[in-house]
């Protein structure tokens, strides 16, 4: 793909990194510069392609350490691996620091703990979760904890065995939750941050409706509520959360689809606005990102509107840390769409300009490096 001729210092601008599935079209992780000539005019928001940030095999999900300027990627390959990269302050390019086994097949999701000392990874293929230490230099160490799921669900194609699809930490960094699509369960683990250890919670799991296929999970920033996106039946579950016990109590189930749509669909990504007022979910099939309002006291969801993504299969979207922008990856159209996010009502304002990206499946924003401001 073409490379921008811009000479802007990446340390002083917002970058967007795209994880992809590699093959004839893709070689690894690509990156872009977010250009906002006039933040109030959506047409002036563009993503400028900067080229290939690093070659890597099937880096399908990414995680960033914003302070240390590190990027971590799962390598969704047979045996499963996790890669650690440093981010060049002058160019934004990635340099591989090291790679470790993910302790399972088909890793698809990872998250840093709140102190950036531990990286937790979910292995979809084998249905397991592992914890890897992150050294002071950003390199990954050998796994300190490993949990293997067992069982199956009711879907003969998708739920023959466990499929850990997401690992999420609560805001207090005390509990880890793993959405297992194959079991229709959200597994609960106590997370001991001193030594990077997981132990089963009490209860050990929360059951989701049979055949729903829990995929991704997010917490409201204040830690009072959590939300699970179900892939197979295109629904969202809203839970109240007990931070002392790690307990989830279901309050609501709501469809991610507008009432008029009855075609095939699967839920993909869920994200929450830093204000805690809005939640977003993407639909593959309906090809939309749907906006929900979050009740401040009850935590329940109210459908507001849908926004077409202008492409096929919006696998993932990234929300900028300041919540001013969103980037949506259309996996089967090989495009990324940048949007403004209205601070008052959460609505998306698409730029209308698509940037080419081969098979985008994860998008992460890297804001300017404030420590280098003025260079």
Protein backbone atom coordinates (compact mmCIF):
# COMPACT_ATOMS: atom_id res chain seq x y z
CA UNK A 1 0.00 0.00 0.00
CA UNK A 2 1.19 3.59 -0.63
CA UNK A 3 3.25 5.43 1.90
CA UNK A 4 2.60 9.05 2.83
CA UNK A 5 5.21 11.64 1.91
CA UNK A 6 4.41 13.64 5.05
CA UNK A 7 7.37 14.59 7.22
CA UNK A 8 5.33 15.18 10.38
CA UNK A 9 7.04 13.83 13.48
CA UNK A 10 4.94 10.84 14.64
CA UNK A 11 5.74 11.69 18.26
CA UNK A 12 3.76 14.93 17.92
CA UNK A 13 0.67 13.51 16.19
CA UNK A 14 -1.93 10.82 16.80
CA UNK A 15 -1.16 7.49 15.16
CA UNK A 16 -3.48 4.59 14.44
CA UNK A 17 -2.09 1.04 14.29
CA UNK A 18 -3.97 -1.70 12.44
CA UNK A 19 -3.68 -5.39 13.18
CA UNK A 20 -4.47 -7.59 10.18
CA UNK A 21 -4.72 -11.12 8.89
CA UNK A 22 -1.67 -11.71 6.75
CA UNK A 23 -1.58 -13.33 3.33
CA UNK A 24 -1.41 -12.13 -0.27
CA UNK A 25 -2.58 -8.62 0.67
CA UNK A 26 -1.05 -8.03 4.11
CA UNK A 27 2.38 -8.42 5.66
CA UNK A 28 1.63 -7.44 9.24
CA UNK A 29 0.86 -4.28 11.23
CA UNK A 30 0.13 -1.06 9.35
CA UNK A 31 -0.09 2.47 10.68
CA UNK A 32 -1.65 5.82 9.86
CA UNK A 33 -1.52 9.44 10.93
CA UNK A 34 -4.77 11.03 12.09
CA UNK A 35 -5.07 14.35 10.32
CA UNK A 36 -7.60 16.88 11.64
CA UNK A 37 -7.26 20.19 9.83
CA UNK A 38 -10.52 21.39 11.37
CA UNK A 39 -11.88 19.12 14.13
CA UNK A 40 -15.35 20.67 13.75
CA UNK A 41 -15.68 19.65 10.10
CA UNK A 42 -15.86 15.90 9.64
CA UNK A 43 -14.83 16.04 5.99
CA UNK A 44 -11.41 17.33 7.02
CA UNK A 45 -10.63 14.27 9.15
CA UNK A 46 -8.48 11.76 7.33
CA UNK A 47 -6.17 8.87 8.04
CA UNK A 48 -2.90 9.28 6.17
CA UNK A 49 -1.22 5.93 5.39
CA UNK A 50 2.35 5.62 6.67
CA UNK A 51 2.96 2.11 5.42
CA UNK A 52 3.98 -1.13 7.09
CA UNK A 53 4.93 -0.61 10.74
CA UNK A 54 6.27 -4.14 11.16
CA UNK A 55 6.07 -7.52 9.51
CA UNK A 56 4.29 -10.05 11.71
CA UNK A 57 2.20 -13.15 11.07
CA UNK A 58 -1.54 -12.73 11.70
CA UNK A 59 -1.26 -9.92 14.30
CA UNK A 60 -5.03 -9.95 14.75
CA UNK A 61 -5.32 -8.07 18.04
CA UNK A 62 -3.17 -5.30 19.46
CA UNK A 63 -2.58 -3.68 22.84
CA UNK A 64 -0.63 -0.50 23.63
CA UNK A 65 1.43 0.68 26.58
CA UNK A 66 0.99 4.42 26.09
CA UNK A 67 3.54 5.52 28.68
CA UNK A 68 6.40 3.29 27.56
CA UNK A 69 5.41 3.46 23.88
CA UNK A 70 5.16 -0.29 23.45
CA UNK A 71 2.86 -2.37 21.27
CA UNK A 72 1.86 -5.97 21.86
CA UNK A 73 0.22 -8.26 19.33
CA UNK A 74 -1.19 -11.75 19.34
CA UNK A 75 -0.02 -13.92 16.48
CA UNK A 76 -3.07 -15.95 15.55
CA UNK A 77 -1.23 -18.97 14.27
CA UNK A 78 -1.41 -22.68 15.00
CA UNK A 79 0.74 -22.95 18.11
CA UNK A 80 -0.04 -19.38 19.18
CA UNK A 81 2.35 -16.57 20.05
CA UNK A 82 2.49 -13.05 21.48
CA UNK A 83 4.91 -10.40 20.17
CA UNK A 84 6.27 -7.30 21.90
CA UNK A 85 7.39 -4.25 19.90
CA UNK A 86 9.00 -0.93 20.73
CA UNK A 87 7.68 2.16 18.93
CA UNK A 88 10.32 4.34 17.28
CA UNK A 89 9.79 7.89 18.60
CA UNK A 90 10.93 9.44 15.34
CA UNK A 91 9.05 7.35 12.79
CA UNK A 92 6.37 5.39 14.64
CA UNK A 93 7.73 2.17 13.15
CA UNK A 94 7.82 -0.98 15.26
CA UNK A 95 10.86 -3.02 16.28
CA UNK A 96 10.31 -6.56 17.51
CA UNK A 97 11.63 -6.99 21.05
CA UNK A 98 10.75 -10.64 21.48
CA UNK A 99 8.04 -13.24 21.01
CA UNK A 100 6.65 -15.78 23.46
CA UNK A 101 4.22 -18.71 23.21
CA UNK A 102 0.66 -17.74 24.09
CA UNK A 103 0.24 -21.13 25.81
CA UNK A 104 -2.60 -22.10 23.48
CA UNK A 105 -3.72 -22.15 19.87
CA UNK A 106 -5.32 -19.29 17.99
CA UNK A 107 -4.74 -16.38 20.42
CA UNK A 108 -7.21 -13.62 19.60
CA UNK A 109 -7.25 -11.04 22.41
CA UNK A 110 -4.96 -9.54 25.04
CA UNK A 111 -4.95 -6.83 27.67
CA UNK A 112 -2.38 -5.13 29.90
CA UNK A 113 -3.05 -4.94 33.59
CA UNK A 114 -3.47 -1.49 35.13
CA UNK A 115 0.21 -1.21 36.10
CA UNK A 116 1.47 -2.51 32.74
CA UNK A 117 3.39 -5.31 34.44
CA UNK A 118 1.37 -8.23 33.08
CA UNK A 119 -0.12 -9.14 29.72
CA UNK A 120 -3.14 -11.44 29.76
CA UNK A 121 -3.94 -13.34 26.56
CA UNK A 122 -7.02 -15.33 25.49
CA UNK A 123 -6.51 -18.37 23.23
CA UNK A 124 -9.59 -18.94 21.10
CA UNK A 125 -8.56 -22.19 19.44
CA UNK A 126 -7.76 -24.16 22.58
CA UNK A 127 -9.98 -22.24 25.02
CA UNK A 128 -7.47 -21.00 27.57
CA UNK A 129 -6.02 -17.87 29.16
CA UNK A 130 -2.44 -17.11 30.20
CA UNK A 131 -0.52 -14.34 31.96
CA UNK A 132 2.88 -13.15 30.68
CA UNK A 133 5.16 -10.75 32.59
CA UNK A 134 6.26 -7.54 30.85
CA UNK A 135 9.84 -6.56 31.72
CA UNK A 136 11.12 -3.05 32.29
CA UNK A 137 12.47 -3.10 28.73
CA UNK A 138 9.12 -4.25 27.32
CA UNK A 139 10.19 -7.82 26.67
CA UNK A 140 7.81 -10.64 27.54
CA UNK A 141 8.76 -13.35 30.01
CA UNK A 142 7.55 -16.90 30.44
CA UNK A 143 3.93 -17.39 31.47
CA UNK A 144 3.27 -17.08 35.20
CA UNK A 145 -0.27 -18.44 35.12
CA UNK A 146 -2.40 -20.60 32.84
CA UNK A 147 -6.06 -21.64 32.93
CA UNK A 148 -7.59 -24.23 30.59
CA UNK A 149 -11.36 -24.24 30.00
CA UNK A 150 -13.37 -27.39 29.36
CA UNK A 151 -16.85 -28.21 28.05
CA UNK A 152 -19.00 -27.31 25.08
CA UNK A 153 -22.12 -25.40 24.05
CA UNK A 154 -25.21 -26.15 21.96
CA UNK A 155 -24.06 -24.86 18.56
CA UNK A 156 -22.64 -27.89 16.68
CA UNK A 157 -20.40 -25.71 14.49
CA UNK A 158 -19.13 -23.00 16.80
CA UNK A 159 -19.40 -24.53 20.28
CA UNK A 160 -17.86 -27.98 20.11
CA UNK A 161 -15.34 -26.96 22.73
CA UNK A 162 -14.15 -23.97 24.72
CA UNK A 163 -13.20 -20.80 22.84
CA UNK A 164 -11.78 -18.03 25.01
CA UNK A 165 -12.48 -14.89 22.97
CA UNK A 166 -11.63 -12.02 25.30
CA UNK A 167 -9.93 -11.31 28.60
CA UNK A 168 -10.91 -8.19 30.55
CA UNK A 169 -9.74 -6.77 33.87
CA UNK A 170 -12.03 -4.87 36.18
CA UNK A 171 -11.09 -1.22 36.93
CA UNK A 172 -9.69 -2.23 40.33
CA UNK A 173 -7.27 -4.72 38.72
CA UNK A 174 -8.49 -7.45 41.08
CA UNK A 175 -10.54 -9.72 38.84
CA UNK A 176 -10.08 -11.02 35.30
CA UNK A 177 -13.04 -12.07 33.16
CA UNK A 178 -12.81 -14.32 30.12
CA UNK A 179 -15.66 -14.47 27.58
CA UNK A 180 -15.81 -18.07 26.37
CA UNK A 181 -17.83 -18.22 23.16
CA UNK A 182 -17.82 -22.02 23.12
CA UNK A 183 -19.21 -22.44 26.63
CA UNK A 184 -21.67 -19.53 26.84
CA UNK A 185 -19.91 -18.47 30.01
CA UNK A 186 -17.97 -15.53 31.33
CA UNK A 187 -15.25 -17.10 33.47
CA UNK A 188 -14.20 -15.23 36.61
CA UNK A 189 -10.65 -15.28 38.01
CA UNK A 190 -9.04 -13.52 40.91
CA UNK A 191 -6.00 -11.68 39.61
CA UNK A 192 -3.05 -11.45 41.98
CA UNK A 193 -1.10 -8.56 40.51
CA UNK A 194 1.98 -9.02 42.65
CA UNK A 195 2.93 -12.33 41.08
CA UNK A 196 0.70 -12.44 38.00
CA UNK A 197 -1.44 -15.34 39.18
CA UNK A 198 -5.00 -16.33 38.30
CA UNK A 199 -7.23 -18.40 40.58
CA UNK A 200 -10.89 -19.34 40.00
CA UNK A 201 -13.39 -16.88 41.39
CA UNK A 202 -16.39 -17.67 43.56
CA UNK A 203 -18.56 -18.22 41.60
CA UNK A 204 -16.19 -19.40 38.89
CA UNK A 205 -18.37 -18.22 36.02
CA UNK A 206 -21.51 -16.38 34.92
CA UNK A 207 -23.79 -18.24 32.52
CA UNK A 208 -24.97 -16.53 29.33
CA UNK A 209 -28.04 -17.63 27.33
CA UNK A 210 -27.39 -20.91 25.52
CA UNK A 211 -26.14 -20.31 21.98
CA UNK A 212 -25.43 -16.61 22.55
CA UNK A 213 -21.65 -16.92 22.18
CA UNK A 214 -20.10 -14.26 24.47
CA UNK A 215 -17.33 -12.50 22.57
CA UNK A 216 -16.13 -9.24 24.15
CA UNK A 217 -16.66 -7.46 27.46
CA UNK A 218 -16.17 -3.92 28.77
CA UNK A 219 -16.63 -2.16 32.10
CA UNK A 220 -18.05 1.27 32.67
CA UNK A 221 -15.14 3.41 33.88
CA UNK A 222 -16.60 3.77 37.39
CA UNK A 223 -16.63 -0.03 37.76
CA UNK A 224 -20.33 -0.30 38.69
CA UNK A 225 -21.50 -2.03 35.51
CA UNK A 226 -20.18 -4.38 32.83
CA UNK A 227 -21.38 -5.23 29.31
CA UNK A 228 -20.92 -8.40 27.26
CA UNK A 229 -21.37 -8.54 23.48
CA UNK A 230 -22.64 -11.89 22.22
CA UNK A 231 -21.45 -12.87 18.74
CA UNK A 232 -23.84 -15.65 17.78
CA UNK A 233 -27.19 -14.03 18.62
CA UNK A 234 -26.22 -10.34 18.25
CA UNK A 235 -27.17 -9.23 21.75
CA UNK A 236 -25.70 -7.28 24.63
CA UNK A 237 -25.94 -8.23 28.31
CA UNK A 238 -25.80 -5.48 30.92
CA UNK A 239 -24.59 -6.51 34.40
CA UNK A 240 -24.29 -4.80 37.73
CA UNK A 241 -20.89 -5.48 39.27
CA UNK A 242 -19.81 -6.21 42.83
CA UNK A 243 -16.16 -5.09 42.94
CA UNK A 244 -15.60 -6.86 46.29
CA UNK A 245 -16.60 -10.34 45.15
CA UNK A 246 -16.25 -10.08 41.37
CA UNK A 247 -19.93 -10.96 41.06
CA UNK A 248 -21.94 -10.14 37.93
CA UNK A 249 -25.73 -9.79 38.12
CA UNK A 250 -27.59 -9.60 34.82
CA UNK A 251 -29.96 -6.64 34.47
CA UNK A 252 -30.80 -6.53 30.78
CA UNK A 253 -30.44 -8.22 27.40
CA UNK A 254 -30.84 -6.03 24.32
CA UNK A 255 -30.36 -6.64 20.60
CA UNK A 256 -27.56 -4.90 18.71
CA UNK A 257 -29.72 -4.85 15.57
CA UNK A 258 -32.34 -2.32 14.47
CA UNK A 259 -35.88 -3.68 14.33
CA UNK A 260 -36.15 -3.61 10.55
CA UNK A 261 -33.14 -5.89 9.94
CA UNK A 262 -33.67 -9.66 9.86
CA UNK A 263 -30.67 -10.80 7.78
CA UNK A 264 -27.60 -12.74 8.89
CA UNK A 265 -25.38 -11.02 11.42
CA UNK A 266 -22.76 -11.57 14.07
CA UNK A 267 -21.70 -9.21 16.83
CA UNK A 268 -18.06 -8.15 16.69
CA UNK A 269 -16.80 -5.35 18.93
CA UNK A 270 -18.05 -3.42 21.95
CA UNK A 271 -16.57 -0.20 23.28
CA UNK A 272 -17.49 2.36 25.89
CA UNK A 273 -17.08 6.13 25.87
CA UNK A 274 -14.66 7.33 28.60
CA UNK A 275 -17.47 9.46 30.04
CA UNK A 276 -19.43 6.28 30.77
CA UNK A 277 -22.48 7.77 29.02
CA UNK A 278 -22.38 5.86 25.74
CA UNK A 279 -21.70 2.34 24.46
CA UNK A 280 -20.93 1.25 20.90
CA UNK A 281 -21.27 -2.16 19.25
CA UNK A 282 -20.46 -3.31 15.72
CA UNK A 283 -22.52 -5.65 13.55
CA UNK A 284 -21.05 -7.85 10.82
CA UNK A 285 -23.82 -8.45 8.30
CA UNK A 286 -25.86 -5.35 9.06
CA UNK A 287 -22.47 -3.57 8.74
CA UNK A 288 -23.16 -0.89 11.30
CA UNK A 289 -21.85 0.57 14.53
CA UNK A 290 -24.76 1.01 16.93
CA UNK A 291 -24.91 3.67 19.64
CA UNK A 292 -26.55 3.08 23.02
CA UNK A 293 -27.09 5.48 25.89
CA UNK A 294 -26.12 4.25 29.38
CA UNK A 295 -28.39 5.17 32.28
CA UNK A 296 -26.23 6.97 34.84
CA UNK A 297 -27.84 5.28 37.87
CA UNK A 298 -29.20 1.99 36.57
CA UNK A 299 -26.49 1.19 34.02
CA UNK A 300 -29.07 -0.09 31.54
CA UNK A 301 -28.82 0.51 27.79
CA UNK A 302 -31.11 2.47 25.47
CA UNK A 303 -30.78 2.19 21.69
CA UNK A 304 -30.11 5.58 20.08
CA UNK A 305 -29.08 5.04 16.46
CA UNK A 306 -27.02 3.06 13.98
CA UNK A 307 -24.24 4.30 11.71
CA UNK A 308 -23.36 2.50 8.51
CA UNK A 309 -19.66 1.73 8.15
CA UNK A 310 -19.58 2.04 4.36
CA UNK A 311 -17.98 -1.38 4.02
CA UNK A 312 -18.28 -5.06 4.80
CA UNK A 313 -17.62 -6.80 8.11
CA UNK A 314 -16.72 -4.11 10.67
CA UNK A 315 -14.62 -6.49 12.76
CA UNK A 316 -13.30 -3.87 15.16
CA UNK A 317 -13.27 -0.19 15.99
CA UNK A 318 -10.87 1.85 18.09
CA UNK A 319 -11.80 4.85 20.24
CA UNK A 320 -9.19 7.58 20.67
CA UNK A 321 -8.24 8.08 24.38
CA UNK A 322 -9.68 11.63 24.31
CA UNK A 323 -12.86 10.17 22.77
CA UNK A 324 -12.88 12.67 19.92
CA UNK A 325 -12.45 10.10 17.17
CA UNK A 326 -13.24 6.52 16.22
CA UNK A 327 -11.62 4.35 13.54
CA UNK A 328 -13.68 1.48 12.10
CA UNK A 329 -12.07 -1.43 10.28
CA UNK A 330 -14.07 -3.07 7.48
CA UNK A 331 -12.30 -6.42 7.27
CA UNK A 332 -13.79 -7.68 4.02
CA UNK A 333 -13.62 -4.33 2.22
CA UNK A 334 -9.99 -3.65 3.15
CA UNK A 335 -10.87 -0.17 4.38
CA UNK A 336 -10.77 1.94 7.54
CA UNK A 337 -13.21 4.77 8.20
CA UNK A 338 -12.43 7.66 10.56
CA UNK A 339 -15.27 9.36 12.45
CA UNK A 340 -15.74 12.27 14.80
CA UNK A 341 -17.48 11.47 18.07
CA UNK A 342 -19.90 14.14 19.30
CA UNK A 343 -18.97 14.82 22.93
CA UNK A 344 -22.50 15.78 23.86
CA UNK A 345 -24.56 12.93 22.45
CA UNK A 346 -22.00 10.30 21.43
CA UNK A 347 -23.11 10.27 17.80
CA UNK A 348 -20.63 9.39 15.08
CA UNK A 349 -19.87 11.77 12.24
CA UNK A 350 -18.11 9.79 9.49
CA UNK A 351 -15.45 11.55 7.48
CA UNK A 352 -16.76 9.97 4.29
CA UNK A 353 -13.15 9.26 3.28
CA UNK A 354 -11.92 5.68 3.40
CA UNK A 355 -8.27 4.68 3.68
CA UNK A 356 -7.05 1.40 2.24
CA UNK A 357 -5.83 -1.23 4.68
CA UNK A 358 -5.55 -4.96 3.97
CA UNK A 359 -7.90 -7.05 6.12
CA UNK A 360 -8.06 -4.72 9.16
CA UNK A 361 -9.17 -6.61 12.28
CA UNK A 362 -7.97 -4.37 15.14
CA UNK A 363 -7.37 -0.61 15.43
CA UNK A 364 -5.56 1.18 18.25
CA UNK A 365 -4.92 4.91 18.72
CA UNK A 366 -1.54 6.14 19.94
CA UNK A 367 -1.82 9.78 21.10
CA UNK A 368 1.08 12.24 20.88
CA UNK A 369 4.05 11.62 23.15
CA UNK A 370 3.66 14.50 25.62
CA UNK A 371 7.14 13.87 27.00
CA UNK A 372 8.57 14.93 23.63
CA UNK A 373 6.39 17.99 23.18
CA UNK A 374 8.26 20.89 21.65
CA UNK A 375 10.98 18.81 20.02
